[in-house]
Amino acid sequence: MTDISNDAMTVGFRYMRLLRRQMMAIQKKHGLQGIDISVLALLVKRSGGGHCPLKGDTLKDITEVGMFRKTYISQSLSRLLGKGYITMERDTEDRRFVHNLPTDKGRALIGEEQESCHDMNRRLMNGFSDEERETLRRLLSRVGQNMDEELRRKETDSCCECLEK
């Protein structure tokens, strides 16, 4: 079997560099930081899909995703609020909680970001047949599943090693 780790790593890093370049252009255009786009995307995702929009959108909820520290998220929410990308609403049942809800302007920004990524992906898949694209999607999905399994196994192994000491 051919060792593809170098190829995969190289392609992965280059893909991430392209994504960062795309995101930086959008961030600069809107005067935002990378964390702002991530937090807003999370809020847009959690506010759709048929479940209650007032779930998973508090500062604590966003912090539990584990991407950023609470202080950074708080600063990001302030920027997003100030630029009109979110609104904040006090919970009617428990006044201690504040829900961060994307505005139409915020949804439009995430739509722009997603369309930018889709455009880049379309350019990267130039010259591939529909069958080749589907094969690549299935193979990458399988690699991703294997990675998830490996990460779970490593986390379990690490946890067990801690308990044995």
C-alpha atoms as a PDB file:
ATOM      1  CA  MET A   1       0.000   0.000   0.000  1.00  0.00           C
ATOM      2  CA  THR A   2       1.255   3.462  -0.870  1.00  0.00           C
ATOM      3  CA  ASP A   3       1.813   5.834   2.035  1.00  0.00           C
ATOM      4  CA  ILE A   4      -0.481   8.750   1.244  1.00  0.00           C
ATOM      5  CA  SER A   5       0.016  10.630   4.480  1.00  0.00           C
ATOM      6  CA  ASN A   6       2.334  13.250   2.938  1.00  0.00           C
ATOM      7  CA  ASP A   7      -0.010  13.819  -0.009  1.00  0.00           C
ATOM      8  CA  ALA A   8      -3.048  14.032   2.265  1.00  0.00           C
ATOM      9  CA  MET A   9      -1.286  16.380   4.654  1.00  0.00           C
ATOM     10  CA  THR A  10      -0.054  18.615   1.842  1.00  0.00           C
ATOM     11  CA  VAL A  11      -3.482  18.801   0.204  1.00  0.00           C
ATOM     12  CA  GLY A  12      -5.135  19.387   3.591  1.00  0.00           C
ATOM     13  CA  PHE A  13      -2.804  22.261   4.463  1.00  0.00           C
ATOM     14  CA  ARG A  14      -3.203  23.855   1.041  1.00  0.00           C
ATOM     15  CA  TYR A  15      -6.985  23.540   1.256  1.00  0.00           C
ATOM     16  CA  MET A  16      -6.979  25.190   4.682  1.00  0.00           C
ATOM     17  CA  ARG A  17      -4.774  27.985   3.346  1.00  0.00           C
ATOM     18  CA  LEU A  18      -7.235  28.603   0.507  1.00  0.00           C
ATOM     19  CA  LEU A  19     -10.161  28.614   2.949  1.00  0.00           C
ATOM     20  CA  ARG A  20      -8.362  31.065   5.227  1.00  0.00           C
ATOM     21  CA  ARG A  21      -7.708  33.340   2.254  1.00  0.00           C
ATOM     22  CA  GLN A  22     -11.409  33.228   1.323  1.00  0.00           C
ATOM     23  CA  MET A  23     -12.458  33.951   4.910  1.00  0.00           C
ATOM     24  CA  MET A  24      -9.957  36.763   5.371  1.00  0.00           C
ATOM     25  CA  ALA A  25     -11.407  38.574   2.371  1.00  0.00           C
ATOM     26  CA  ILE A  26     -14.916  38.335   3.860  1.00  0.00           C
ATOM     27  CA  GLN A  27     -13.677  39.332   7.320  1.00  0.00           C
ATOM     28  CA  LYS A  28     -11.906  42.381   5.943  1.00  0.00           C
ATOM     29  CA  LYS A  29     -14.904  43.392   3.837  1.00  0.00           C
ATOM     30  CA  HIS A  30     -17.188  43.313   6.907  1.00  0.00           C
ATOM     31  CA  GLY A  31     -14.692  44.437   9.552  1.00  0.00           C
ATOM     32  CA  LEU A  32     -14.849  41.178  11.471  1.00  0.00           C
ATOM     33  CA  GLN A  33     -12.408  38.663  12.898  1.00  0.00           C
ATOM     34  CA  GLY A  34     -12.242  34.929  12.213  1.00  0.00           C
ATOM     35  CA  ILE A  35     -13.894  34.044  15.489  1.00  0.00           C
ATOM     36  CA  ASP A  36     -16.822  36.308  14.577  1.00  0.00           C
ATOM     37  CA  ILE A  37     -17.565  34.319  11.427  1.00  0.00           C
ATOM     38  CA  SER A  38     -17.265  31.033  13.351  1.00  0.00           C
ATOM     39  CA  VAL A  39     -19.570  32.166  16.147  1.00  0.00           C
ATOM     40  CA  LEU A  40     -22.093  33.631  13.727  1.00  0.00           C
ATOM     41  CA  ALA A  41     -22.056  30.468  11.588  1.00  0.00           C
ATOM     42  CA  LEU A  42     -22.714  28.395  14.712  1.00  0.00           C
ATOM     43  CA  LEU A  43     -25.627  30.641  15.703  1.00  0.00           C
ATOM     44  CA  VAL A  44     -27.117  30.497  12.206  1.00  0.00           C
ATOM     45  CA  LYS A  45     -26.801  26.713  12.170  1.00  0.00           C
ATOM     46  CA  ARG A  46     -28.387  26.329  15.592  1.00  0.00           C
ATOM     47  CA  SER A  47     -31.243  28.694  14.797  1.00  0.00           C
ATOM     48  CA  GLY A  48     -32.466  26.675  11.812  1.00  0.00           C
ATOM     49  CA  GLY A  49     -33.400  23.127  11.028  1.00  0.00           C
ATOM     50  CA  GLY A  50     -36.790  22.981  12.714  1.00  0.00           C
ATOM     51  CA  HIS A  51     -35.724  23.034  16.351  1.00  0.00           C
ATOM     52  CA  CYS A  52     -36.449  25.842  18.773  1.00  0.00           C
ATOM     53  CA  PRO A  53     -34.305  28.866  17.876  1.00  0.00           C
ATOM     54  CA  LEU A  54     -33.744  29.625  21.562  1.00  0.00           C
ATOM     55  CA  LYS A  55     -31.604  26.525  22.191  1.00  0.00           C
ATOM     56  CA  GLY A  56     -27.834  26.370  22.113  1.00  0.00           C
ATOM     57  CA  ASP A  57     -27.291  30.082  21.621  1.00  0.00           C
ATOM     58  CA  THR A  58     -26.196  31.387  25.015  1.00  0.00           C
ATOM     59  CA  LEU A  59     -22.608  32.330  25.807  1.00  0.00           C
ATOM     60  CA  LYS A  60     -22.311  29.123  27.828  1.00  0.00           C
ATOM     61  CA  ASP A  61     -23.671  27.026  24.940  1.00  0.00           C
ATOM     62  CA  ILE A  62     -21.208  28.535  22.488  1.00  0.00           C
ATOM     63  CA  THR A  63     -18.331  28.061  24.930  1.00  0.00           C
ATOM     64  CA  GLU A  64     -19.190  24.363  25.305  1.00  0.00           C
ATOM     65  CA  VAL A  65     -18.405  23.793  21.614  1.00  0.00           C
ATOM     66  CA  GLY A  66     -14.803  24.201  22.745  1.00  0.00           C
ATOM     67  CA  MET A  67     -13.481  26.242  19.829  1.00  0.00           C
ATOM     68  CA  PHE A  68     -12.708  29.421  21.767  1.00  0.00           C
ATOM     69  CA  ARG A  69     -12.396  30.734  25.303  1.00  0.00           C
ATOM     70  CA  LYS A  70     -15.320  32.478  26.960  1.00  0.00           C
ATOM     71  CA  THR A  71     -13.697  35.929  26.915  1.00  0.00           C
ATOM     72  CA  TYR A  72     -13.045  35.736  23.164  1.00  0.00           C
ATOM     73  CA  ILE A  73     -16.600  34.604  22.478  1.00  0.00           C
ATOM     74  CA  SER A  74     -17.967  37.413  24.630  1.00  0.00           C
ATOM     75  CA  GLN A  75     -15.914  39.975  22.695  1.00  0.00           C
ATOM     76  CA  SER A  76     -17.042  38.426  19.416  1.00  0.00           C
ATOM     77  CA  LEU A  77     -20.701  38.593  20.425  1.00  0.00           C
ATOM     78  CA  SER A  78     -20.241  42.275  21.282  1.00  0.00           C
ATOM     79  CA  ARG A  79     -18.752  42.950  17.835  1.00  0.00           C
ATOM     80  CA  LEU A  80     -21.511  41.007  16.098  1.00  0.00           C
ATOM     81  CA  LEU A  81     -24.161  42.866  18.084  1.00  0.00           C
ATOM     82  CA  GLY A  82     -22.565  46.235  17.372  1.00  0.00           C
ATOM     83  CA  LYS A  83     -22.504  45.543  13.630  1.00  0.00           C
ATOM     84  CA  GLY A  84     -26.097  44.289  13.578  1.00  0.00           C
ATOM     85  CA  TYR A  85     -25.353  40.628  12.806  1.00  0.00           C
ATOM     86  CA  ILE A  86     -27.054  39.344  15.966  1.00  0.00           C
ATOM     87  CA  THR A  87     -29.604  40.442  18.528  1.00  0.00           C
ATOM     88  CA  MET A  88     -29.588  39.522  22.190  1.00  0.00           C
ATOM     89  CA  GLU A  89     -32.772  38.517  23.972  1.00  0.00           C
ATOM     90  CA  ARG A  90     -33.164  37.799  27.665  1.00  0.00           C
ATOM     91  CA  ASP A  91     -34.684  34.372  28.356  1.00  0.00           C
ATOM     92  CA  THR A  92     -38.324  34.771  29.408  1.00  0.00           C
ATOM     93  CA  GLU A  93     -38.213  31.803  31.806  1.00  0.00           C
ATOM     94  CA  ASP A  94     -34.767  32.349  33.315  1.00  0.00           C
ATOM     95  CA  ARG A  95     -33.605  35.965  33.156  1.00  0.00           C
ATOM     96  CA  ARG A  96     -29.995  34.919  33.827  1.00  0.00           C
ATOM     97  CA  PHE A  97     -29.689  33.653  30.255  1.00  0.00           C
ATOM     98  CA  VAL A  98     -29.254  35.787  27.163  1.00  0.00           C
ATOM     99  CA  HIS A  99     -29.968  34.264  23.762  1.00  0.00           C
ATOM    100  CA  ASN A 100     -27.832  35.406  20.833  1.00  0.00           C
ATOM    101  CA  LEU A 101     -29.904  35.300  17.671  1.00  0.00           C
ATOM    102  CA  PRO A 102     -28.697  35.933  14.126  1.00  0.00           C
ATOM    103  CA  THR A 103     -30.393  38.763  12.255  1.00  0.00           C
ATOM    104  CA  ASP A 104     -31.255  38.656   8.562  1.00  0.00           C
ATOM    105  CA  LYS A 105     -28.029  40.599   8.006  1.00  0.00           C
ATOM    106  CA  GLY A 106     -26.106  37.892   9.908  1.00  0.00           C
ATOM    107  CA  ARG A 107     -27.774  35.103   7.933  1.00  0.00           C
ATOM    108  CA  ALA A 108     -26.909  36.914   4.697  1.00  0.00           C
ATOM    109  CA  LEU A 109     -23.253  37.175   5.741  1.00  0.00           C
ATOM    110  CA  ILE A 110     -23.060  33.448   6.465  1.00  0.00           C
ATOM    111  CA  GLY A 111     -24.802  32.792   3.149  1.00  0.00           C
ATOM    112  CA  GLU A 112     -22.121  34.889   1.437  1.00  0.00           C
ATOM    113  CA  GLU A 113     -19.389  32.975   3.272  1.00  0.00           C
ATOM    114  CA  GLN A 114     -20.897  29.613   2.316  1.00  0.00           C
ATOM    115  CA  GLU A 115     -21.344  30.644  -1.310  1.00  0.00           C
ATOM    116  CA  SER A 116     -17.722  31.783  -1.405  1.00  0.00           C
ATOM    117  CA  CYS A 117     -16.631  28.353  -0.138  1.00  0.00           C
ATOM    118  CA  HIS A 118     -18.910  26.569  -2.624  1.00  0.00           C
ATOM    119  CA  ASP A 119     -17.434  28.642  -5.464  1.00  0.00           C
ATOM    120  CA  MET A 120     -13.919  27.710  -4.390  1.00  0.00           C
ATOM    121  CA  ASN A 121     -14.863  24.023  -4.128  1.00  0.00           C
ATOM    122  CA  ARG A 122     -16.412  24.144  -7.617  1.00  0.00           C
ATOM    123  CA  ARG A 123     -13.152  25.568  -8.980  1.00  0.00           C
ATOM    124  CA  LEU A 124     -11.127  22.892  -7.192  1.00  0.00           C
ATOM    125  CA  MET A 125     -13.319  20.156  -8.698  1.00  0.00           C
ATOM    126  CA  ASN A 126     -12.899  21.543 -12.224  1.00  0.00           C
ATOM    127  CA  GLY A 127     -12.277  18.721 -14.691  1.00  0.00           C
ATOM    128  CA  PHE A 128     -13.770  16.004 -12.465  1.00  0.00           C
ATOM    129  CA  SER A 129     -16.753  14.035 -13.730  1.00  0.00           C
ATOM    130  CA  ASP A 130     -19.842  13.700 -11.528  1.00  0.00           C
ATOM    131  CA  GLU A 131     -18.843  10.091 -10.875  1.00  0.00           C
ATOM    132  CA  GLU A 132     -15.319  11.107  -9.839  1.00  0.00           C
ATOM    133  CA  ARG A 133     -16.700  13.777  -7.518  1.00  0.00           C
ATOM    134  CA  GLU A 134     -19.018  11.262  -5.879  1.00  0.00           C
ATOM    135  CA  THR A 135     -16.205   8.729  -5.515  1.00  0.00           C
ATOM    136  CA  LEU A 136     -13.963  11.359  -3.925  1.00  0.00           C
ATOM    137  CA  ARG A 137     -16.775  12.434  -1.578  1.00  0.00           C
ATOM    138  CA  ARG A 138     -17.370   8.820  -0.484  1.00  0.00           C
ATOM    139  CA  LEU A 139     -13.648   8.160   0.011  1.00  0.00           C
ATOM    140  CA  LEU A 140     -13.121  11.348   2.025  1.00  0.00           C
ATOM    141  CA  SER A 141     -16.185  10.520   4.102  1.00  0.00           C
ATOM    142  CA  ARG A 142     -14.754   7.089   4.878  1.00  0.00           C
ATOM    143  CA  VAL A 143     -11.370   8.604   5.787  1.00  0.00           C
ATOM    144  CA  GLY A 144     -13.185  11.064   8.056  1.00  0.00           C
ATOM    145  CA  GLN A 145     -15.058   8.237   9.777  1.00  0.00           C
ATOM    146  CA  ASN A 146     -11.804   6.356  10.292  1.00  0.00           C
ATOM    147  CA  MET A 147     -10.230   9.505  11.736  1.00  0.00           C
ATOM    148  CA  ASP A 148     -13.158   9.917  14.146  1.00  0.00           C
ATOM    149  CA  GLU A 149     -12.801   6.301  15.264  1.00  0.00           C
ATOM    150  CA  GLU A 150      -9.062   6.729  15.736  1.00  0.00           C
ATOM    151  CA  LEU A 151      -9.558   9.909  17.750  1.00  0.00           C
ATOM    152  CA  ARG A 152     -12.144   8.197  19.963  1.00  0.00           C
ATOM    153  CA  ARG A 153      -9.820   5.244  20.447  1.00  0.00           C
ATOM    154  CA  LYS A 154      -6.886   7.512  21.337  1.00  0.00           C
ATOM    155  CA  GLU A 155      -9.047   9.501  23.765  1.00  0.00           C
ATOM    156  CA  THR A 156     -10.171   6.281  25.425  1.00  0.00           C
ATOM    157  CA  ASP A 157      -6.609   4.957  25.553  1.00  0.00           C
ATOM    158  CA  SER A 158      -5.364   8.206  27.093  1.00  0.00           C
ATOM    159  CA  CYS A 159      -8.165   8.169  29.613  1.00  0.00           C
ATOM    160  CA  CYS A 160      -7.399   4.599  30.645  1.00  0.00           C
ATOM    161  CA  GLU A 161      -3.688   5.358  30.973  1.00  0.00           C
ATOM    162  CA  CYS A 162      -4.516   8.193  33.369  1.00  0.00           C
ATOM    163  CA  LEU A 163      -6.619   5.903  35.524  1.00  0.00           C
ATOM    164  CA  GLU A 164      -3.915   3.255  35.679  1.00  0.00           C
ATOM    165  CA  LYS A 165      -1.305   5.633  37.110  1.00  0.00           C
END
